[in-house]
Amino acid sequence: MKQVIQQAEEKMEKTVSFLQEDYAEIRAGRANPNVLNKIRVDYYGAPTPINQLAAVAVSEARVLTVQPWDPSVCRMIEKAIQTSDIGINPQSDGKIIRLVFPALTEDRRKDLAKEISKRAEEGKVAVRSIRRDAMEKLKELKKKSEITEDDLKLAEKKMQDLTDKHCNKIGTLCEDKKKSIMEL
């Protein structure tokens, strides 16, 4: 019984951390190195993350600098950023690539807020499905007489508490991200 609850809690934690990473990659009008996390550069035939080829830093509030350790890679990194879906045109001087983040329009902010809410709801659905799967396992244990009716009730309460806790975490993450997006 404890193992089922522990596994469910671990899965819920992974869901929350995945959502956190997902939110970090959303462009909020400020320079954020995480927007480059999913971009891969074809470096000698191997798709390599930008942060393994260059130093990525925030030089100003809306400017991100990418300084490759090997200057010959600069063009490849620039091309990878251009072909990605982040919507920023890189400016390069051959040694350093600068990404200037434009200010978000009001409509774009509202669209991003809707997208954030949608992803939060998907996260909550995932947490609830983890709870449902764990409840089924617990009921299976009860059916096999491995746990008592009282144990089942106690476990169901623990699962509900875990679900509420993780749904609240997701809600807080969502509100924080929406607040940061709506700031001018």
C-alpha atoms as a PDB file:
ATOM      1  CA  MET A   1       0.000   0.000   0.000  1.00  0.00           C
ATOM      2  CA  LYS A   2       2.772   2.452   0.937  1.00  0.00           C
ATOM      3  CA  GLN A   3       4.618   1.583  -2.254  1.00  0.00           C
ATOM      4  CA  VAL A   4       1.577   2.410  -4.410  1.00  0.00           C
ATOM      5  CA  ILE A   5       1.176   5.782  -2.679  1.00  0.00           C
ATOM      6  CA  GLN A   6       4.900   6.527  -2.942  1.00  0.00           C
ATOM      7  CA  GLN A   7       4.989   5.709  -6.671  1.00  0.00           C
ATOM      8  CA  ALA A   8       1.949   7.920  -7.271  1.00  0.00           C
ATOM      9  CA  GLU A   9       3.564  10.798  -5.382  1.00  0.00           C
ATOM     10  CA  GLU A  10       6.773  10.466  -7.432  1.00  0.00           C
ATOM     11  CA  LYS A  11       4.776  10.543 -10.667  1.00  0.00           C
ATOM     12  CA  MET A  12       2.865  13.616  -9.480  1.00  0.00           C
ATOM     13  CA  GLU A  13       6.136  15.367  -8.597  1.00  0.00           C
ATOM     14  CA  LYS A  14       7.473  14.587 -12.088  1.00  0.00           C
ATOM     15  CA  THR A  15       4.316  16.063 -13.614  1.00  0.00           C
ATOM     16  CA  VAL A  16       4.766  19.290 -11.632  1.00  0.00           C
ATOM     17  CA  SER A  17       8.477  19.560 -12.504  1.00  0.00           C
ATOM     18  CA  PHE A  18       7.742  18.884 -16.188  1.00  0.00           C
ATOM     19  CA  LEU A  19       5.217  21.725 -16.138  1.00  0.00           C
ATOM     20  CA  GLN A  20       7.778  23.989 -14.445  1.00  0.00           C
ATOM     21  CA  GLU A  21      10.301  23.263 -17.214  1.00  0.00           C
ATOM     22  CA  ASP A  22       7.603  23.774 -19.833  1.00  0.00           C
ATOM     23  CA  TYR A  23       6.729  27.178 -18.379  1.00  0.00           C
ATOM     24  CA  ALA A  24      10.407  28.185 -18.232  1.00  0.00           C
ATOM     25  CA  GLU A  25      10.634  27.794 -22.005  1.00  0.00           C
ATOM     26  CA  ILE A  26       7.718  30.150 -22.684  1.00  0.00           C
ATOM     27  CA  ARG A  27       8.987  33.492 -23.948  1.00  0.00           C
ATOM     28  CA  ALA A  28       7.645  36.197 -21.655  1.00  0.00           C
ATOM     29  CA  GLY A  29       9.136  39.323 -23.247  1.00  0.00           C
ATOM     30  CA  ARG A  30      12.232  39.165 -21.067  1.00  0.00           C
ATOM     31  CA  ALA A  31      15.494  37.508 -22.019  1.00  0.00           C
ATOM     32  CA  ASN A  32      15.453  33.964 -20.671  1.00  0.00           C
ATOM     33  CA  PRO A  33      18.162  31.403 -21.542  1.00  0.00           C
ATOM     34  CA  ASN A  34      15.626  28.569 -21.165  1.00  0.00           C
ATOM     35  CA  VAL A  35      13.948  29.473 -24.474  1.00  0.00           C
ATOM     36  CA  LEU A  36      16.970  27.914 -26.211  1.00  0.00           C
ATOM     37  CA  ASN A  37      16.713  24.575 -24.355  1.00  0.00           C
ATOM     38  CA  LYS A  38      14.879  22.706 -27.107  1.00  0.00           C
ATOM     39  CA  ILE A  39      17.004  24.029 -29.974  1.00  0.00           C
ATOM     40  CA  ARG A  40      19.596  21.596 -31.289  1.00  0.00           C
ATOM     41  CA  VAL A  41      22.566  22.430 -33.517  1.00  0.00           C
ATOM     42  CA  ASP A  42      23.905  19.879 -35.994  1.00  0.00           C
ATOM     43  CA  TYR A  43      27.459  19.760 -34.645  1.00  0.00           C
ATOM     44  CA  TYR A  44      29.605  17.265 -36.552  1.00  0.00           C
ATOM     45  CA  GLY A  45      26.560  15.135 -37.317  1.00  0.00           C
ATOM     46  CA  ALA A  46      25.188  15.065 -33.765  1.00  0.00           C
ATOM     47  CA  PRO A  47      22.244  17.200 -32.609  1.00  0.00           C
ATOM     48  CA  THR A  48      23.743  19.161 -29.707  1.00  0.00           C
ATOM     49  CA  PRO A  49      22.031  21.612 -27.311  1.00  0.00           C
ATOM     50  CA  ILE A  50      23.201  25.208 -27.643  1.00  0.00           C
ATOM     51  CA  ASN A  51      24.240  25.407 -23.978  1.00  0.00           C
ATOM     52  CA  GLN A  52      26.843  22.680 -24.661  1.00  0.00           C
ATOM     53  CA  LEU A  53      28.386  24.670 -27.515  1.00  0.00           C
ATOM     54  CA  ALA A  54      28.307  28.192 -26.109  1.00  0.00           C
ATOM     55  CA  ALA A  55      27.979  30.404 -23.075  1.00  0.00           C
ATOM     56  CA  VAL A  56      24.410  31.706 -22.906  1.00  0.00           C
ATOM     57  CA  ALA A  57      23.874  34.818 -20.788  1.00  0.00           C
ATOM     58  CA  VAL A  58      21.403  37.633 -20.208  1.00  0.00           C
ATOM     59  CA  SER A  59      23.318  40.838 -20.945  1.00  0.00           C
ATOM     60  CA  GLU A  60      20.339  43.213 -20.612  1.00  0.00           C
ATOM     61  CA  ALA A  61      16.680  42.785 -19.640  1.00  0.00           C
ATOM     62  CA  ARG A  62      15.633  41.987 -23.217  1.00  0.00           C
ATOM     63  CA  VAL A  63      18.945  40.826 -24.715  1.00  0.00           C
ATOM     64  CA  LEU A  64      20.340  37.307 -24.627  1.00  0.00           C
ATOM     65  CA  THR A  65      23.927  36.698 -25.756  1.00  0.00           C
ATOM     66  CA  VAL A  66      25.236  33.406 -27.090  1.00  0.00           C
ATOM     67  CA  GLN A  67      29.030  33.198 -27.245  1.00  0.00           C
ATOM     68  CA  PRO A  68      30.249  29.959 -28.867  1.00  0.00           C
ATOM     69  CA  TRP A  69      33.423  28.448 -27.458  1.00  0.00           C
ATOM     70  CA  ASP A  70      34.385  27.512 -31.023  1.00  0.00           C
ATOM     71  CA  PRO A  71      33.800  30.534 -33.323  1.00  0.00           C
ATOM     72  CA  SER A  72      33.373  28.231 -36.346  1.00  0.00           C
ATOM     73  CA  VAL A  73      30.059  27.058 -34.858  1.00  0.00           C
ATOM     74  CA  CYS A  74      28.601  30.575 -34.766  1.00  0.00           C
ATOM     75  CA  ARG A  75      26.878  30.288 -38.179  1.00  0.00           C
ATOM     76  CA  MET A  76      25.389  26.869 -37.309  1.00  0.00           C
ATOM     77  CA  ILE A  77      23.963  28.190 -34.021  1.00  0.00           C
ATOM     78  CA  GLU A  78      22.563  31.256 -35.783  1.00  0.00           C
ATOM     79  CA  LYS A  79      20.900  29.072 -38.421  1.00  0.00           C
ATOM     80  CA  ALA A  80      19.420  26.730 -35.781  1.00  0.00           C
ATOM     81  CA  ILE A  81      17.894  29.706 -33.936  1.00  0.00           C
ATOM     82  CA  GLN A  82      16.472  31.111 -37.181  1.00  0.00           C
ATOM     83  CA  THR A  83      14.818  27.826 -38.129  1.00  0.00           C
ATOM     84  CA  SER A  84      13.399  27.283 -34.619  1.00  0.00           C
ATOM     85  CA  ASP A  85       9.937  28.394 -33.544  1.00  0.00           C
ATOM     86  CA  ILE A  86      10.985  30.960 -30.907  1.00  0.00           C
ATOM     87  CA  GLY A  87      10.290  33.840 -33.284  1.00  0.00           C
ATOM     88  CA  ILE A  88      13.453  35.860 -32.664  1.00  0.00           C
ATOM     89  CA  ASN A  89      15.931  36.843 -35.344  1.00  0.00           C
ATOM     90  CA  PRO A  90      19.529  36.443 -34.157  1.00  0.00           C
ATOM     91  CA  GLN A  91      22.090  39.210 -34.781  1.00  0.00           C
ATOM     92  CA  SER A  92      25.653  38.011 -35.134  1.00  0.00           C
ATOM     93  CA  ASP A  93      29.045  39.682 -35.448  1.00  0.00           C
ATOM     94  CA  GLY A  94      30.816  36.369 -36.118  1.00  0.00           C
ATOM     95  CA  LYS A  95      31.830  35.855 -32.490  1.00  0.00           C
ATOM     96  CA  ILE A  96      28.739  36.648 -30.427  1.00  0.00           C
ATOM     97  CA  ILE A  97      25.082  36.113 -31.278  1.00  0.00           C
ATOM     98  CA  ARG A  98      22.585  38.547 -29.758  1.00  0.00           C
ATOM     99  CA  LEU A  99      18.894  37.786 -29.411  1.00  0.00           C
ATOM    100  CA  VAL A 100      16.760  40.870 -28.784  1.00  0.00           C
ATOM    101  CA  PHE A 101      13.396  39.974 -27.264  1.00  0.00           C
ATOM    102  CA  PRO A 102      10.673  42.335 -28.469  1.00  0.00           C
ATOM    103  CA  ALA A 103       8.083  43.552 -25.977  1.00  0.00           C
ATOM    104  CA  LEU A 104       4.918  41.449 -26.064  1.00  0.00           C
ATOM    105  CA  THR A 105       1.716  42.989 -27.362  1.00  0.00           C
ATOM    106  CA  GLU A 106      -1.429  42.896 -25.218  1.00  0.00           C
ATOM    107  CA  ASP A 107      -3.050  40.317 -27.537  1.00  0.00           C
ATOM    108  CA  ARG A 108       0.040  38.105 -27.413  1.00  0.00           C
ATOM    109  CA  ARG A 109       0.092  38.320 -23.606  1.00  0.00           C
ATOM    110  CA  LYS A 110      -3.541  37.202 -23.444  1.00  0.00           C
ATOM    111  CA  ASP A 111      -2.849  34.323 -25.857  1.00  0.00           C
ATOM    112  CA  LEU A 112       0.118  33.210 -23.739  1.00  0.00           C
ATOM    113  CA  ALA A 113      -1.993  33.419 -20.573  1.00  0.00           C
ATOM    114  CA  LYS A 114      -4.600  31.148 -22.199  1.00  0.00           C
ATOM    115  CA  GLU A 115      -1.869  28.711 -23.271  1.00  0.00           C
ATOM    116  CA  ILE A 116      -0.452  28.692 -19.725  1.00  0.00           C
ATOM    117  CA  SER A 117      -3.902  27.959 -18.277  1.00  0.00           C
ATOM    118  CA  LYS A 118      -4.416  25.165 -20.812  1.00  0.00           C
ATOM    119  CA  ARG A 119      -1.094  23.544 -19.906  1.00  0.00           C
ATOM    120  CA  ALA A 120      -1.920  23.839 -16.196  1.00  0.00           C
ATOM    121  CA  GLU A 121      -5.249  22.101 -16.762  1.00  0.00           C
ATOM    122  CA  GLU A 122      -3.455  19.326 -18.686  1.00  0.00           C
ATOM    123  CA  GLY A 123      -1.076  18.949 -15.733  1.00  0.00           C
ATOM    124  CA  LYS A 124      -3.994  18.694 -13.303  1.00  0.00           C
ATOM    125  CA  VAL A 125      -5.643  16.072 -15.514  1.00  0.00           C
ATOM    126  CA  ALA A 126      -2.372  14.090 -15.503  1.00  0.00           C
ATOM    127  CA  VAL A 127      -2.214  14.267 -11.687  1.00  0.00           C
ATOM    128  CA  ARG A 128      -5.826  13.099 -11.420  1.00  0.00           C
ATOM    129  CA  SER A 129      -5.201  10.179 -13.758  1.00  0.00           C
ATOM    130  CA  ILE A 130      -2.214   9.171 -11.607  1.00  0.00           C
ATOM    131  CA  ARG A 131      -4.580   9.224  -8.611  1.00  0.00           C
ATOM    132  CA  ARG A 132      -7.141   7.117 -10.492  1.00  0.00           C
ATOM    133  CA  ASP A 133      -4.503   4.509 -11.441  1.00  0.00           C
ATOM    134  CA  ALA A 134      -3.243   4.340  -7.852  1.00  0.00           C
ATOM    135  CA  MET A 135      -6.818   3.954  -6.540  1.00  0.00           C
ATOM    136  CA  GLU A 136      -7.364   1.048  -8.928  1.00  0.00           C
ATOM    137  CA  LYS A 137      -4.197  -0.632  -7.661  1.00  0.00           C
ATOM    138  CA  LEU A 138      -5.319  -0.128  -4.068  1.00  0.00           C
ATOM    139  CA  LYS A 139      -8.746  -1.592  -4.792  1.00  0.00           C
ATOM    140  CA  GLU A 140      -7.014  -4.549  -6.449  1.00  0.00           C
ATOM    141  CA  LEU A 141      -4.998  -5.074  -3.236  1.00  0.00           C
ATOM    142  CA  LYS A 142      -8.238  -4.965  -1.240  1.00  0.00           C
ATOM    143  CA  LYS A 143      -9.820  -7.508  -3.581  1.00  0.00           C
ATOM    144  CA  LYS A 144      -6.852  -9.847  -3.024  1.00  0.00           C
ATOM    145  CA  SER A 145      -7.302  -9.316   0.740  1.00  0.00           C
ATOM    146  CA  GLU A 146      -3.778  -7.873   1.053  1.00  0.00           C
ATOM    147  CA  ILE A 147      -5.161  -4.768   2.773  1.00  0.00           C
ATOM    148  CA  THR A 148      -8.237  -4.164   4.920  1.00  0.00           C
ATOM    149  CA  GLU A 149     -11.218  -1.896   4.264  1.00  0.00           C
ATOM    150  CA  ASP A 150      -9.835   0.594   6.799  1.00  0.00           C
ATOM    151  CA  ASP A 151      -6.438   0.582   5.059  1.00  0.00           C
ATOM    152  CA  LEU A 152      -8.187   1.254   1.754  1.00  0.00           C
ATOM    153  CA  LYS A 153     -10.110   4.222   3.202  1.00  0.00           C
ATOM    154  CA  LEU A 154      -6.930   5.622   4.742  1.00  0.00           C
ATOM    155  CA  ALA A 155      -5.014   5.180   1.475  1.00  0.00           C
ATOM    156  CA  GLU A 156      -7.823   6.842  -0.506  1.00  0.00           C
ATOM    157  CA  LYS A 157      -7.674   9.840   1.826  1.00  0.00           C
ATOM    158  CA  LYS A 158      -3.873  10.040   1.450  1.00  0.00           C
ATOM    159  CA  MET A 159      -4.197   9.863  -2.342  1.00  0.00           C
ATOM    160  CA  GLN A 160      -6.789  12.650  -2.333  1.00  0.00           C
ATOM    161  CA  ASP A 161      -4.545  14.804  -0.114  1.00  0.00           C
ATOM    162  CA  LEU A 162      -1.597  14.219  -2.468  1.00  0.00           C
ATOM    163  CA  THR A 163      -3.749  15.056  -5.478  1.00  0.00           C
ATOM    164  CA  ASP A 164      -4.995  18.281  -3.873  1.00  0.00           C
ATOM    165  CA  LYS A 165      -1.454  19.270  -2.875  1.00  0.00           C
ATOM    166  CA  HIS A 166      -0.068  18.785  -6.405  1.00  0.00           C
ATOM    167  CA  CYS A 167      -3.062  20.441  -8.103  1.00  0.00           C
ATOM    168  CA  ASN A 168      -2.524  23.452  -5.815  1.00  0.00           C
ATOM    169  CA  LYS A 169       1.183  23.530  -6.767  1.00  0.00           C
ATOM    170  CA  ILE A 170       0.189  23.535 -10.443  1.00  0.00           C
ATOM    171  CA  GLY A 171      -2.333  26.304  -9.808  1.00  0.00           C
ATOM    172  CA  THR A 172       0.312  28.411  -8.067  1.00  0.00           C
ATOM    173  CA  LEU A 173       2.807  27.849 -10.907  1.00  0.00           C
ATOM    174  CA  CYS A 174       0.149  28.851 -13.426  1.00  0.00           C
ATOM    175  CA  GLU A 175      -0.788  32.052 -11.587  1.00  0.00           C
ATOM    176  CA  ASP A 176       2.876  33.054 -11.117  1.00  0.00           C
ATOM    177  CA  LYS A 177       3.652  32.550 -14.803  1.00  0.00           C
ATOM    178  CA  LYS A 178       0.512  34.426 -15.896  1.00  0.00           C
ATOM    179  CA  LYS A 179       1.452  37.286 -13.575  1.00  0.00           C
ATOM    180  CA  SER A 180       4.976  37.476 -15.027  1.00  0.00           C
ATOM    181  CA  ILE A 181       3.585  37.467 -18.582  1.00  0.00           C
ATOM    182  CA  MET A 182       1.023  40.184 -17.923  1.00  0.00           C
ATOM    183  CA  GLU A 183       3.644  42.524 -16.405  1.00  0.00           C
ATOM    184  CA  LEU A 184       4.655  45.319 -18.739  1.00  0.00           C
END
